Amino acid sequence: MLDILIITLSGIVSSWTVYNSILAIIGVAWKPFESKNNSGITFSLIVPAKNEENVLPRLLDRLVNLEYDRSKYEVIVVEDSSTDRTLDICQEYEKKYNIVKCYSLPKANVPNGKSRALNFALRVSKGEIIGIFDADTVPRLDILEYVEPKFEDNKVGAVQGKLIPINVRESVTSRLAAIEELIYEYSIAGRAKVGLFVPIEGTCSFIRRSLIEELGGWNEYSLTEDLDISLKIVNRGYRIVYSPTTISWREVPISLKILIRQRLRWYRGHLEVSFGKIRKVDLRIIDGMLIVFTPFFMVLNLINYSLVLVYSSSLYIIAASLVSLASLFSLLLIILIARRHMIEYFYMIPSFVYMNFVVALNFTAIFLELIRAPRVWIKTERSAKVTGEVIG
């Protein structure tokens, strides 16, 4: 009985790994043609910011120079209890550019300050489409021209742009974190290509204003407000479109301490997502559930170390073959990503060790949820360094 249980669980997690790896490989190869348009849909671009003096000027310089009619978009920066010069910098841009508006929020006791800032900005914004940018983001200047045509389809509720690490080569940690994030990014692209669930990623994200208002805004008590609202959008029957040409660059953690804090928040956020009342179960919803349950699948990888206990089982060869297949697809994917994003091939080896570290973090996240540890949204520190090429 134990043999069957171990082999079954090993088969499930290996199949999940192969599934996501194939989607990511499809995403790496996908290069669709996307048209531009500038017909006049209005945008409100929201930037939640707390202690972002190092990176906020870089983002605002891009946003005020987008290749789009300035009368058709506004930039709203919501500063939240910063202790550095974030508010001063914002006000400097507000004086210089009439499309920039700066607001400062008093300190509040909510788990997710970003959601609070977004909800506030929603109330004061005017655009038909709400765009969201984290302060460390560096968008292409033509992003709005690529986003606008997507919303001509009334069933499109949101658009997610492609996110690329901007500081890949800053440290060993940044290289390994970049590989992890790019595996996820390309798996989203693959999902979009085959018509599965596309989540909003929290930056370079665009949502219909009317839809956000219909959903009641962002959940201020969820650590991953982006995944939470993504499921709600799809559950309402709308599509989330992924645009590989709507590119933004963003930072990845450069130290182990920053990485652990960020990942624990992400992984715990998966466990707190509420599906609500599911109106229709289809492949997108099922695939969305697979993403939500990622922490459990990651922890299940530990079962593969137990296969030695069932070596004598006649089913062992099947389980071992699935594990080998999963490892092969993972290796192929990492090679493709390393080649495209100028990550030294040497890091393919430690990346497998790093993935075991990710398993440990997922296990920790589950444990913290089980003991109901306090939910605290900790801001990710930025370095403002650029080690890759930014185009456009």
Protein backbone atom coordinates (compact mmCIF):
# COMPACT_ATOMS: atom_id res chain seq x y z
CA MET A 1 0.00 0.00 0.00
CA LEU A 2 2.84 2.40 0.87
CA ASP A 3 4.54 1.50 -2.42
CA ILE A 4 1.47 2.50 -4.42
CA LEU A 5 1.03 5.75 -2.47
CA ILE A 6 4.65 6.85 -2.97
CA ILE A 7 4.68 5.96 -6.65
CA THR A 8 1.31 7.65 -7.25
CA LEU A 9 2.37 10.89 -5.58
CA SER A 10 5.71 10.82 -7.40
CA GLY A 11 3.90 10.32 -10.69
CA ILE A 12 1.57 13.26 -9.97
CA VAL A 13 4.33 15.73 -9.16
CA SER A 14 6.51 14.57 -12.06
CA SER A 15 3.58 14.94 -14.46
CA TRP A 16 2.94 18.45 -13.08
CA THR A 17 6.59 19.36 -13.70
CA VAL A 18 6.51 18.01 -17.26
CA TYR A 19 3.22 19.84 -17.90
CA ASN A 20 4.60 23.21 -16.81
CA SER A 21 7.92 22.67 -18.56
CA ILE A 22 6.21 21.92 -21.87
CA LEU A 23 4.07 25.05 -21.49
CA ALA A 24 7.18 27.12 -20.76
CA ILE A 25 9.04 25.70 -23.78
CA ILE A 26 6.02 26.62 -25.93
CA GLY A 27 6.19 30.09 -24.40
CA VAL A 28 9.89 30.47 -25.22
CA ALA A 29 9.21 29.60 -28.86
CA TRP A 30 6.07 31.76 -29.21
CA LYS A 31 6.67 34.96 -31.18
CA PRO A 32 3.30 36.30 -32.35
CA PHE A 33 2.77 39.36 -34.50
CA GLU A 34 0.97 42.07 -32.55
CA SER A 35 -0.52 45.21 -34.05
CA LYS A 36 -0.29 48.74 -32.66
CA ASN A 37 -3.09 51.26 -32.35
CA ASN A 38 -3.55 54.74 -30.97
CA SER A 39 -7.26 55.47 -31.32
CA GLY A 40 -7.71 57.22 -27.99
CA ILE A 41 -8.71 54.81 -25.22
CA THR A 42 -7.87 56.56 -21.96
CA PHE A 43 -5.49 55.06 -19.41
CA SER A 44 -4.80 55.69 -15.73
CA LEU A 45 -1.34 54.34 -14.89
CA ILE A 46 -1.04 53.68 -11.17
CA VAL A 47 2.26 53.41 -9.31
CA PRO A 48 2.04 52.27 -5.66
CA ALA A 49 5.25 53.42 -3.98
CA LYS A 50 6.81 53.06 -0.55
CA ASN A 51 10.48 53.89 0.03
CA GLU A 52 11.25 53.78 -3.68
CA GLU A 53 13.58 56.78 -4.06
CA ASN A 54 16.16 54.64 -5.89
CA VAL A 55 13.90 53.49 -8.70
CA LEU A 56 10.87 55.80 -8.91
CA PRO A 57 12.60 58.46 -11.09
CA ARG A 58 13.59 55.77 -13.59
CA LEU A 59 9.99 54.61 -13.96
CA LEU A 60 8.46 58.10 -14.09
CA ASP A 61 10.94 59.15 -16.78
CA ARG A 62 9.57 56.32 -18.92
CA LEU A 63 5.89 56.89 -18.16
CA VAL A 64 5.89 60.61 -18.99
CA ASN A 65 7.55 59.85 -22.34
CA LEU A 66 5.34 57.02 -23.58
CA GLU A 67 4.52 56.98 -27.29
CA TYR A 68 0.89 57.84 -26.70
CA ASP A 69 -1.22 61.00 -26.72
CA ARG A 70 -0.54 62.64 -23.35
CA SER A 71 -4.10 63.92 -23.20
CA LYS A 72 -5.26 60.29 -23.16
CA TYR A 73 -3.40 59.04 -20.10
CA GLU A 74 -2.50 60.05 -16.56
CA VAL A 75 0.11 58.82 -14.11
CA ILE A 76 -1.03 58.43 -10.50
CA VAL A 77 1.61 57.78 -7.85
CA VAL A 78 0.29 56.69 -4.46
CA GLU A 79 2.96 57.06 -1.80
CA ASP A 80 2.37 55.07 1.38
CA SER A 81 4.16 56.21 4.57
CA SER A 82 7.63 56.40 3.05
CA THR A 83 10.59 57.31 5.23
CA ASP A 84 12.85 58.35 2.34
CA ARG A 85 12.49 60.92 -0.48
CA THR A 86 9.80 59.03 -2.42
CA LEU A 87 7.15 61.70 -1.77
CA ASP A 88 9.51 64.56 -2.60
CA ILE A 89 10.53 62.93 -5.88
CA CYS A 90 6.91 62.34 -6.80
CA GLN A 91 6.00 65.97 -6.10
CA GLU A 92 8.91 67.16 -8.25
CA TYR A 93 7.51 65.24 -11.22
CA GLU A 94 4.00 66.48 -10.43
CA LYS A 95 5.21 70.09 -10.72
CA LYS A 96 7.02 69.39 -13.97
CA TYR A 97 4.42 67.26 -15.76
CA ASN A 98 0.69 67.94 -15.68
CA ILE A 99 -0.12 64.28 -16.33
CA VAL A 100 1.51 63.21 -13.05
CA LYS A 101 -0.57 63.25 -9.88
CA CYS A 102 0.86 62.46 -6.48
CA TYR A 103 -1.02 61.29 -3.40
CA SER A 104 0.23 60.37 0.05
CA LEU A 105 -1.57 57.89 2.30
CA PRO A 106 -1.30 57.78 6.10
CA LYS A 107 -0.07 54.58 7.68
CA ALA A 108 -2.75 51.88 8.02
CA ASN A 109 -2.90 48.41 9.53
CA VAL A 110 -3.70 46.24 6.50
CA PRO A 111 -1.70 43.18 5.30
CA ASN A 112 -1.38 44.47 1.73
CA GLY A 113 -0.50 48.14 1.42
CA LYS A 114 -0.25 47.83 -2.38
CA SER A 115 -3.91 46.82 -2.66
CA ARG A 116 -4.86 49.73 -0.42
CA ALA A 117 -2.96 52.14 -2.66
CA LEU A 118 -4.57 50.67 -5.79
CA ASN A 119 -8.06 50.98 -4.34
CA PHE A 120 -7.41 54.61 -3.42
CA ALA A 121 -6.06 55.39 -6.90
CA LEU A 122 -9.07 53.72 -8.50
CA ARG A 123 -11.36 56.21 -6.75
CA VAL A 124 -9.46 59.28 -8.01
CA SER A 125 -8.55 58.01 -11.49
CA LYS A 126 -10.39 58.80 -14.72
CA GLY A 127 -9.11 56.36 -17.35
CA GLU A 128 -11.12 53.60 -19.01
CA ILE A 129 -8.21 51.21 -18.52
CA ILE A 130 -6.24 50.93 -15.28
CA GLY A 131 -2.54 50.16 -15.71
CA ILE A 132 -0.44 49.00 -12.75
CA PHE A 133 3.32 49.44 -12.43
CA ASP A 134 5.58 48.55 -9.53
CA ALA A 135 8.19 51.25 -8.96
CA ASP A 136 11.10 49.05 -10.12
CA THR A 137 9.49 48.45 -13.52
CA VAL A 138 11.00 49.84 -16.75
CA PRO A 139 8.39 49.65 -19.53
CA ARG A 140 8.92 49.94 -23.26
CA LEU A 141 7.83 53.32 -24.53
CA ASP A 142 5.27 51.86 -26.96
CA ILE A 143 3.42 49.62 -24.49
CA LEU A 144 0.09 51.48 -24.60
CA GLU A 145 -0.01 51.23 -28.39
CA TYR A 146 0.23 47.45 -28.08
CA VAL A 147 -2.23 47.20 -25.19
CA GLU A 148 -5.01 49.32 -26.69
CA PRO A 149 -6.05 46.99 -29.58
CA LYS A 150 -6.52 44.10 -27.12
CA PHE A 151 -9.41 45.90 -25.43
CA GLU A 152 -11.37 46.22 -28.67
CA ASP A 153 -12.74 42.79 -27.74
CA ASN A 154 -15.35 43.36 -25.02
CA LYS A 155 -14.65 39.91 -23.53
CA VAL A 156 -11.05 40.90 -22.75
CA GLY A 157 -11.04 41.98 -19.13
CA ALA A 158 -7.30 42.45 -18.68
CA VAL A 159 -3.95 42.40 -20.46
CA GLN A 160 -0.68 41.22 -18.97
CA GLY A 161 2.63 42.28 -20.46
CA LYS A 162 5.84 40.27 -20.57
CA LEU A 163 8.19 40.75 -17.63
CA ILE A 164 11.95 40.36 -17.99
CA PRO A 165 14.53 40.64 -15.18
CA ILE A 166 16.60 43.79 -15.56
CA ASN A 167 19.42 42.92 -13.14
CA VAL A 168 20.03 39.25 -13.95
CA ARG A 169 23.81 39.43 -13.66
CA GLU A 170 24.00 41.52 -10.49
CA SER A 171 24.66 38.57 -8.14
CA VAL A 172 24.49 34.79 -7.84
CA THR A 173 21.10 35.15 -6.13
CA SER A 174 19.75 37.38 -8.90
CA ARG A 175 20.78 34.84 -11.55
CA LEU A 176 19.02 31.96 -9.80
CA ALA A 177 15.96 34.05 -8.94
CA ALA A 178 15.80 35.18 -12.58
CA ILE A 179 15.77 31.58 -13.82
CA GLU A 180 12.88 30.78 -11.47
CA GLU A 181 10.89 33.86 -12.53
CA LEU A 182 11.55 33.31 -16.23
CA ILE A 183 10.38 29.69 -16.01
CA TYR A 184 7.11 31.01 -14.58
CA GLU A 185 6.95 33.87 -17.13
CA TYR A 186 7.37 31.59 -20.12
CA SER A 187 4.88 29.10 -18.69
CA ILE A 188 2.34 31.95 -18.71
CA ALA A 189 3.21 32.69 -22.33
CA GLY A 190 2.70 29.01 -23.15
CA ARG A 191 -0.64 29.03 -21.36
CA ALA A 192 -1.71 32.04 -23.39
CA LYS A 193 -0.64 30.35 -26.62
CA VAL A 194 -2.78 27.24 -25.98
CA GLY A 195 -5.72 29.09 -24.41
CA LEU A 196 -5.27 28.27 -20.73
CA PHE A 197 -5.30 30.45 -17.60
CA VAL A 198 -3.30 33.69 -17.77
CA PRO A 199 -2.74 35.40 -14.40
CA ILE A 200 -2.11 39.08 -13.83
CA GLU A 201 1.41 39.53 -12.44
CA GLY A 202 1.05 42.79 -10.53
CA THR A 203 3.07 45.05 -12.83
CA CYS A 204 2.72 45.96 -16.49
CA SER A 205 -0.88 44.84 -15.96
CA PHE A 206 -3.95 46.49 -17.48
CA ILE A 207 -7.57 45.97 -16.40
CA ARG A 208 -10.88 47.49 -17.46
CA ARG A 209 -11.91 50.06 -14.91
CA SER A 210 -15.56 48.96 -15.08
CA LEU A 211 -14.55 45.37 -14.34
CA ILE A 212 -12.45 46.27 -11.30
CA GLU A 213 -15.33 48.30 -9.92
CA GLU A 214 -17.67 45.38 -10.57
CA LEU A 215 -15.33 43.10 -8.62
CA GLY A 216 -15.11 45.52 -5.69
CA GLY A 217 -11.47 46.47 -6.19
CA TRP A 218 -8.38 44.68 -4.91
CA ASN A 219 -8.31 42.46 -1.84
CA GLU A 220 -6.37 44.31 0.86
CA TYR A 221 -6.14 41.14 2.97
CA SER A 222 -4.46 38.96 0.34
CA LEU A 223 -0.67 38.85 0.02
CA THR A 224 -0.98 38.18 -3.73
CA GLU A 225 -3.70 40.55 -4.87
CA ASP A 226 -2.82 39.94 -8.53
CA LEU A 227 -3.57 36.20 -8.54
CA ASP A 228 -6.68 36.79 -6.42
CA ILE A 229 -8.21 39.26 -8.88
CA SER A 230 -7.10 37.15 -11.89
CA LEU A 231 -9.27 34.24 -10.76
CA LYS A 232 -12.19 36.58 -10.17
CA ILE A 233 -11.86 38.04 -13.67
CA VAL A 234 -11.81 34.62 -15.35
CA ASN A 235 -14.64 33.39 -13.12
CA ARG A 236 -16.76 36.28 -14.43
CA GLY A 237 -16.30 34.97 -17.96
CA TYR A 238 -13.69 37.49 -19.13
CA ARG A 239 -10.36 36.71 -20.77
CA ILE A 240 -6.92 37.83 -19.64
CA VAL A 241 -4.69 38.35 -22.68
CA TYR A 242 -0.93 37.90 -22.49
CA SER A 243 1.07 40.19 -24.77
CA PRO A 244 4.70 39.11 -25.41
CA THR A 245 5.38 42.43 -27.16
CA THR A 246 4.16 44.58 -24.26
CA ILE A 247 7.49 44.29 -22.50
CA SER A 248 8.61 45.68 -19.17
CA TRP A 249 11.78 44.97 -17.25
CA ARG A 250 11.83 44.60 -13.47
CA GLU A 251 14.28 43.77 -10.72
CA VAL A 252 14.81 40.39 -9.08
CA PRO A 253 16.16 40.03 -5.51
CA ILE A 254 19.92 40.34 -5.23
CA SER A 255 20.42 38.87 -1.76
CA LEU A 256 19.21 35.74 -0.02
CA LYS A 257 17.48 37.73 2.72
CA ILE A 258 15.44 39.79 0.27
CA LEU A 259 14.66 36.69 -1.80
CA ILE A 260 13.35 34.70 1.18
CA ARG A 261 11.08 37.52 2.32
CA GLN A 262 9.63 38.04 -1.15
CA ARG A 263 9.12 34.36 -1.94
CA LEU A 264 7.49 33.56 1.38
CA ARG A 265 5.00 36.37 0.72
CA TRP A 266 4.34 35.04 -2.78
CA TYR A 267 3.95 31.43 -1.75
CA ARG A 268 1.74 32.22 1.25
CA GLY A 269 -0.37 34.38 -1.03
CA HIS A 270 -1.15 31.35 -3.19
CA LEU A 271 -2.55 29.59 -0.15
CA GLU A 272 -4.85 32.50 0.70
CA VAL A 273 -6.51 32.87 -2.69
CA SER A 274 -10.27 32.40 -2.64
CA PHE A 275 -11.99 30.90 -5.68
CA GLY A 276 -15.38 32.17 -4.57
CA LYS A 277 -18.39 30.69 -6.29
CA ILE A 278 -17.13 29.08 -9.49
CA ARG A 279 -19.69 29.75 -12.21
CA LYS A 280 -18.29 27.38 -14.84
CA VAL A 281 -15.53 24.80 -14.60
CA ASP A 282 -13.44 24.78 -17.77
CA LEU A 283 -9.78 24.21 -18.69
CA ARG A 284 -8.83 27.77 -17.75
CA ILE A 285 -10.26 27.43 -14.24
CA ILE A 286 -8.66 24.00 -13.77
CA ASP A 287 -5.31 25.35 -14.96
CA GLY A 288 -5.73 28.32 -12.63
CA MET A 289 -6.23 25.91 -9.75
CA LEU A 290 -2.99 24.16 -10.69
CA ILE A 291 -1.17 27.50 -10.37
CA VAL A 292 -2.82 28.27 -7.03
CA PHE A 293 -1.80 24.85 -5.69
CA THR A 294 1.83 25.33 -6.78
CA PRO A 295 3.16 25.33 -3.17
CA PHE A 296 1.68 21.88 -2.59
CA PHE A 297 3.08 20.47 -5.84
CA MET A 298 6.50 21.92 -5.01
CA VAL A 299 6.51 20.28 -1.58
CA LEU A 300 5.41 17.00 -3.14
CA ASN A 301 8.77 16.94 -4.91
CA LEU A 302 10.15 15.62 -1.62
CA ILE A 303 8.35 12.34 -2.29
CA ASN A 304 10.82 11.60 -5.09
CA TYR A 305 13.52 11.10 -2.46
CA SER A 306 11.39 8.25 -1.09
CA LEU A 307 11.48 6.22 -4.29
CA VAL A 308 14.47 4.33 -2.94
CA LEU A 309 12.02 2.74 -0.48
CA VAL A 310 10.06 1.15 -3.32
CA TYR A 311 13.01 0.02 -5.42
CA SER A 312 11.76 -3.56 -5.39
CA SER A 313 8.30 -2.59 -6.67
CA SER A 314 7.40 -3.50 -10.23
CA LEU A 315 6.12 0.07 -10.67
CA TYR A 316 9.43 1.63 -9.66
CA ILE A 317 10.72 1.81 -13.24
CA ILE A 318 7.64 3.82 -14.26
CA ALA A 319 8.04 6.32 -11.43
CA ALA A 320 11.78 6.64 -12.01
CA SER A 321 11.20 7.21 -15.73
CA LEU A 322 8.73 10.01 -15.00
CA VAL A 323 11.19 11.67 -12.62
CA SER A 324 13.93 11.43 -15.26
CA LEU A 325 11.61 12.86 -17.91
CA ALA A 326 10.69 15.77 -15.64
CA SER A 327 14.37 16.48 -14.97
CA LEU A 328 15.17 16.33 -18.69
CA PHE A 329 12.45 18.83 -19.60
CA SER A 330 13.54 21.11 -16.76
CA LEU A 331 17.15 21.00 -17.96
CA LEU A 332 16.14 21.76 -21.55
CA LEU A 333 14.04 24.70 -20.37
CA ILE A 334 16.83 26.15 -18.24
CA ILE A 335 19.25 25.88 -21.19
CA LEU A 336 16.82 27.77 -23.44
CA ILE A 337 16.29 30.48 -20.81
CA ALA A 338 20.00 30.82 -20.01
CA ARG A 339 20.83 31.18 -23.69
CA ARG A 340 18.18 33.83 -24.33
CA HIS A 341 18.87 35.93 -21.25
CA MET A 342 22.66 35.74 -21.13
CA ILE A 343 22.88 33.67 -17.95
CA GLU A 344 26.10 31.67 -17.80
CA TYR A 345 25.53 27.95 -18.44
CA PHE A 346 27.42 27.23 -15.23
CA TYR A 347 24.32 28.26 -13.29
CA MET A 348 22.31 25.37 -14.72
CA ILE A 349 23.86 23.13 -12.07
CA PRO A 350 23.21 25.29 -8.98
CA SER A 351 19.73 26.07 -10.35
CA PHE A 352 18.69 22.48 -9.51
CA VAL A 353 20.01 22.97 -5.97
CA TYR A 354 18.15 26.29 -5.87
CA MET A 355 14.89 24.55 -6.81
CA ASN A 356 15.26 22.38 -3.70
CA PHE A 357 15.66 25.61 -1.75
CA VAL A 358 12.39 26.79 -3.33
CA VAL A 359 10.76 23.55 -2.17
CA ALA A 360 11.91 24.34 1.38
CA LEU A 361 10.46 27.85 1.14
CA ASN A 362 7.12 26.48 -0.07
CA PHE A 363 7.12 24.03 2.84
CA THR A 364 7.79 26.94 5.21
CA ALA A 365 4.96 28.97 3.64
CA ILE A 366 2.52 26.11 4.18
CA PHE A 367 3.69 25.71 7.78
CA LEU A 368 3.24 29.45 8.45
CA GLU A 369 -0.31 29.23 7.15
CA LEU A 370 -1.09 26.17 9.27
CA ILE A 371 0.03 27.91 12.46
CA ARG A 372 -1.73 31.09 11.32
CA ALA A 373 1.37 33.24 11.56
CA PRO A 374 0.71 36.99 11.12
CA ARG A 375 0.45 38.06 7.50
CA VAL A 376 2.87 40.91 6.86
CA TRP A 377 3.49 42.54 3.48
CA ILE A 378 7.22 43.30 3.39
CA LYS A 379 8.45 45.62 0.65
CA THR A 380 11.13 44.20 -1.61
CA GLU A 381 14.30 46.30 -1.54
CA ARG A 382 15.56 47.59 -4.90
CA SER A 383 19.10 48.20 -6.11
CA ALA A 384 18.26 50.28 -9.23
CA LYS A 385 21.06 48.56 -11.16
CA VAL A 386 20.69 47.47 -14.78
CA THR A 387 22.74 44.51 -16.03
CA GLY A 388 20.74 43.66 -19.13
CA GLU A 389 19.66 45.45 -22.30
CA VAL A 390 16.56 47.65 -22.24
CA ILE A 391 15.07 48.17 -25.70
CA GLY A 392 12.62 50.89 -26.67
